[in-house]
Each structure stands twice: as structure tokens, then as C-alpha cells.
Amino acid sequence: MDVRETNRRVIEQFRAGGEVDGMHRDRLVLLTTTGRRSGEPRTVPMMFHRDGDRLLVVASNIGAPRHPDWYLNLVDDPRVTVELDGREFAAEALPLLGADYVRTWTELEKHYPFLADHAAKARQAKRVIPIVELSEED
């Protein structure tokens, strides 16, 4: 599977407002970060989770030993653009820390049991999977 081609197709279908082949449109968000090396905008589709008023994304990378590129980009520049529910807005990406992280991870695993497998794989590589809040800028 060509991930870039799949992402391109998903982004195109998402922006067109219709069905997204093989995915639940209502669980998708498009996140645009600034490439840490290129300085160019980089957009990726991903699953999101609502925690009260908070909009969260998880940098699981399917448990890979390395963080996904989009996460590394937002560590360098936390100003991002979010596309969700037919709107686009500027946001700040804030990784969760400490007790908030632990509580939120526990909740996420209840909703998405597959994350436990991702976490186990990441732990083998001594990587902790980040959870990021996308906080809309005023």
C-alpha cells in the first residue's frame, strides 16, 4: 500500500464532502503542519477523539519505533491548521503531560482497544505514544 497515495485520496474525498472510502468520515480530521525541514505545509488525515471540549489526536504511528513526521513537525512549530466538520481553523498543538496524559490514555484505550497493541509495540522501542490537544486559536 502506498501511504502517500492513500492519504492524497482520503484528503481529496474529505475536502469534497462525501464518503471517504474505507473510513468513518465523522472520525476524521485533516491536520496541516509545517514541514520541519522543508518549511512547506504538510497535510495528513487522521482519527480524532473528543474529550469534553478538547480535540485530541494520537501519534501512535501504529506502534512504530519512531514518532510520525506530523508529530515531529508540530514539536518544531505547534501552530497548525485543522479541517473538521466543514470548517478550517488555526490551532495550537499541545502534547499532554503527566497525570492528564495518564488519565487520557486510559480513556482512549477504553474507546479504542487497538491502541494497547500500538503502545506495546512502541514500548519495545522505548517510545511513549504522544497524545496532542488541538486547541483552537482565538
Protein backbone atom coordinates (compact mmCIF):
# COMPACT_ATOMS: atom_id res chain seq x y z
CA MET A 1 0.00 0.00 0.00
CA ASP A 2 1.27 3.46 -0.93
CA VAL A 3 0.53 5.57 2.16
CA ARG A 4 1.08 8.87 0.35
CA GLU A 5 -1.38 7.91 -2.37
CA THR A 6 -3.92 6.72 0.20
CA ASN A 7 -3.55 9.97 2.15
CA ARG A 8 -3.93 12.01 -1.06
CA ARG A 9 -7.14 10.17 -1.91
CA VAL A 10 -8.55 10.49 1.62
CA ILE A 11 -7.77 14.23 1.74
CA GLU A 12 -9.42 14.76 -1.65
CA GLN A 13 -12.55 12.83 -0.65
CA PHE A 14 -12.73 14.53 2.76
CA ARG A 15 -12.50 18.01 1.25
CA ALA A 16 -15.11 17.11 -1.37
CA GLY A 17 -17.54 16.49 1.49
CA GLY A 18 -18.65 13.00 0.52
CA GLU A 19 -17.88 9.47 1.63
CA VAL A 20 -14.28 8.56 2.40
CA ASP A 21 -13.54 5.08 1.06
CA GLY A 22 -12.90 2.60 3.86
CA MET A 23 -13.06 5.17 6.67
CA HIS A 24 -15.56 6.78 9.01
CA ARG A 25 -15.72 10.39 7.85
CA ASP A 26 -17.14 11.53 11.19
CA ARG A 27 -13.96 10.32 12.95
CA LEU A 28 -11.50 12.06 10.60
CA VAL A 29 -9.68 15.34 10.86
CA LEU A 30 -7.15 16.86 8.47
CA LEU A 31 -4.10 18.27 10.23
CA THR A 32 -1.70 20.58 8.43
CA THR A 33 1.71 21.13 10.00
CA THR A 34 4.76 22.98 8.70
CA GLY A 35 7.49 20.63 7.49
CA ARG A 36 10.41 20.94 9.87
CA ARG A 37 12.97 20.65 7.06
CA SER A 38 11.09 21.96 4.03
CA GLY A 39 9.02 24.72 5.65
CA GLU A 40 6.17 23.57 3.39
CA PRO A 41 2.65 22.75 4.57
CA ARG A 42 2.10 19.02 5.16
CA THR A 43 -1.46 17.71 5.49
CA VAL A 44 -2.37 14.31 6.90
CA PRO A 45 -5.73 12.70 7.62
CA MET A 46 -6.12 11.08 11.00
CA MET A 47 -8.58 9.83 13.54
CA PHE A 48 -9.50 12.24 16.33
CA HIS A 49 -11.16 11.91 19.72
CA ARG A 50 -13.28 14.41 21.63
CA ASP A 51 -12.59 14.63 25.36
CA GLY A 52 -15.22 17.10 26.54
CA ASP A 53 -14.39 20.30 24.67
CA ARG A 54 -10.91 19.08 23.77
CA LEU A 55 -9.99 17.79 20.32
CA LEU A 56 -7.28 15.13 20.58
CA VAL A 57 -5.10 13.21 18.13
CA VAL A 58 -2.76 10.34 18.92
CA ALA A 59 0.72 9.99 17.41
CA SER A 60 0.67 6.19 17.55
CA ASN A 61 2.27 5.57 14.14
CA ILE A 62 0.79 2.07 14.56
CA GLY A 63 3.36 1.44 17.30
CA ALA A 64 6.38 2.10 15.07
CA PRO A 65 9.70 2.80 16.82
CA ARG A 66 9.64 6.43 15.67
CA HIS A 67 7.13 9.25 16.03
CA PRO A 68 5.17 10.11 12.88
CA ASP A 69 6.51 13.00 10.81
CA TRP A 70 3.46 15.17 11.52
CA TYR A 71 4.22 14.95 15.25
CA LEU A 72 7.89 15.85 14.77
CA ASN A 73 6.74 18.81 12.66
CA LEU A 74 4.42 20.18 15.34
CA VAL A 75 7.08 19.79 18.03
CA ASP A 76 9.15 22.24 15.96
CA ASP A 77 6.18 24.51 15.24
CA PRO A 78 2.99 23.95 17.24
CA ARG A 79 0.92 26.28 15.02
CA VAL A 80 -1.26 24.01 12.88
CA THR A 81 -4.36 24.14 10.72
CA VAL A 82 -7.28 21.83 11.41
CA GLU A 83 -10.07 20.85 9.00
CA LEU A 84 -13.10 19.34 10.72
CA ASP A 85 -16.87 19.40 10.30
CA GLY A 86 -16.69 21.54 7.16
CA ARG A 87 -14.57 24.24 8.75
CA GLU A 88 -10.90 25.12 8.81
CA PHE A 89 -9.23 26.84 11.75
CA ALA A 90 -5.85 27.71 13.20
CA ALA A 91 -4.88 25.81 16.32
CA GLU A 92 -2.01 25.26 18.69
CA ALA A 93 -0.86 21.66 19.15
CA LEU A 94 -0.22 20.91 22.81
CA PRO A 95 1.13 17.47 23.82
CA LEU A 96 -0.47 16.16 27.03
CA LEU A 97 1.79 15.59 30.01
CA GLY A 98 1.79 13.97 33.44
CA ALA A 99 -1.45 12.95 35.12
CA ASP A 100 -3.52 14.41 32.26
CA TYR A 101 -1.69 12.14 29.82
CA VAL A 102 -2.17 9.04 32.01
CA ARG A 103 -5.88 9.70 32.57
CA THR A 104 -6.48 10.45 28.90
CA TRP A 105 -4.52 7.41 27.67
CA THR A 106 -6.56 5.15 29.95
CA GLU A 107 -9.78 6.59 28.49
CA LEU A 108 -8.52 6.29 24.92
CA GLU A 109 -7.67 2.60 25.40
CA LYS A 110 -11.25 2.00 26.62
CA HIS A 111 -12.66 3.58 23.45
CA TYR A 112 -10.01 2.19 21.06
CA PRO A 113 -8.63 -1.14 22.32
CA PHE A 114 -6.21 -1.37 19.37
CA LEU A 115 -4.16 1.42 20.99
CA ALA A 116 -2.96 -1.05 23.64
CA ASP A 117 -1.26 -3.06 20.87
CA HIS A 118 0.26 0.12 19.40
CA ALA A 119 1.58 1.10 22.86
CA ALA A 120 3.10 -2.35 23.44
CA LYS A 121 4.96 -2.16 20.12
CA ALA A 122 6.15 1.40 20.82
CA ARG A 123 7.38 0.41 24.31
CA GLN A 124 9.66 -2.21 22.74
CA ALA A 125 11.38 0.70 21.01
CA LYS A 126 11.31 2.73 24.26
CA ARG A 127 8.85 5.20 22.73
CA VAL A 128 5.86 6.70 24.52
CA ILE A 129 2.98 7.48 22.17
CA PRO A 130 2.11 11.19 22.37
CA ILE A 131 -1.43 12.50 22.72
CA VAL A 132 -1.89 16.00 21.32
CA GLU A 133 -4.63 18.52 22.04
CA LEU A 134 -5.51 20.76 19.09
CA SER A 135 -6.56 23.99 20.79
CA GLU A 136 -8.36 26.45 18.51
CA GLU A 137 -6.70 29.86 18.47
CA ASP A 138 -8.85 32.91 19.17
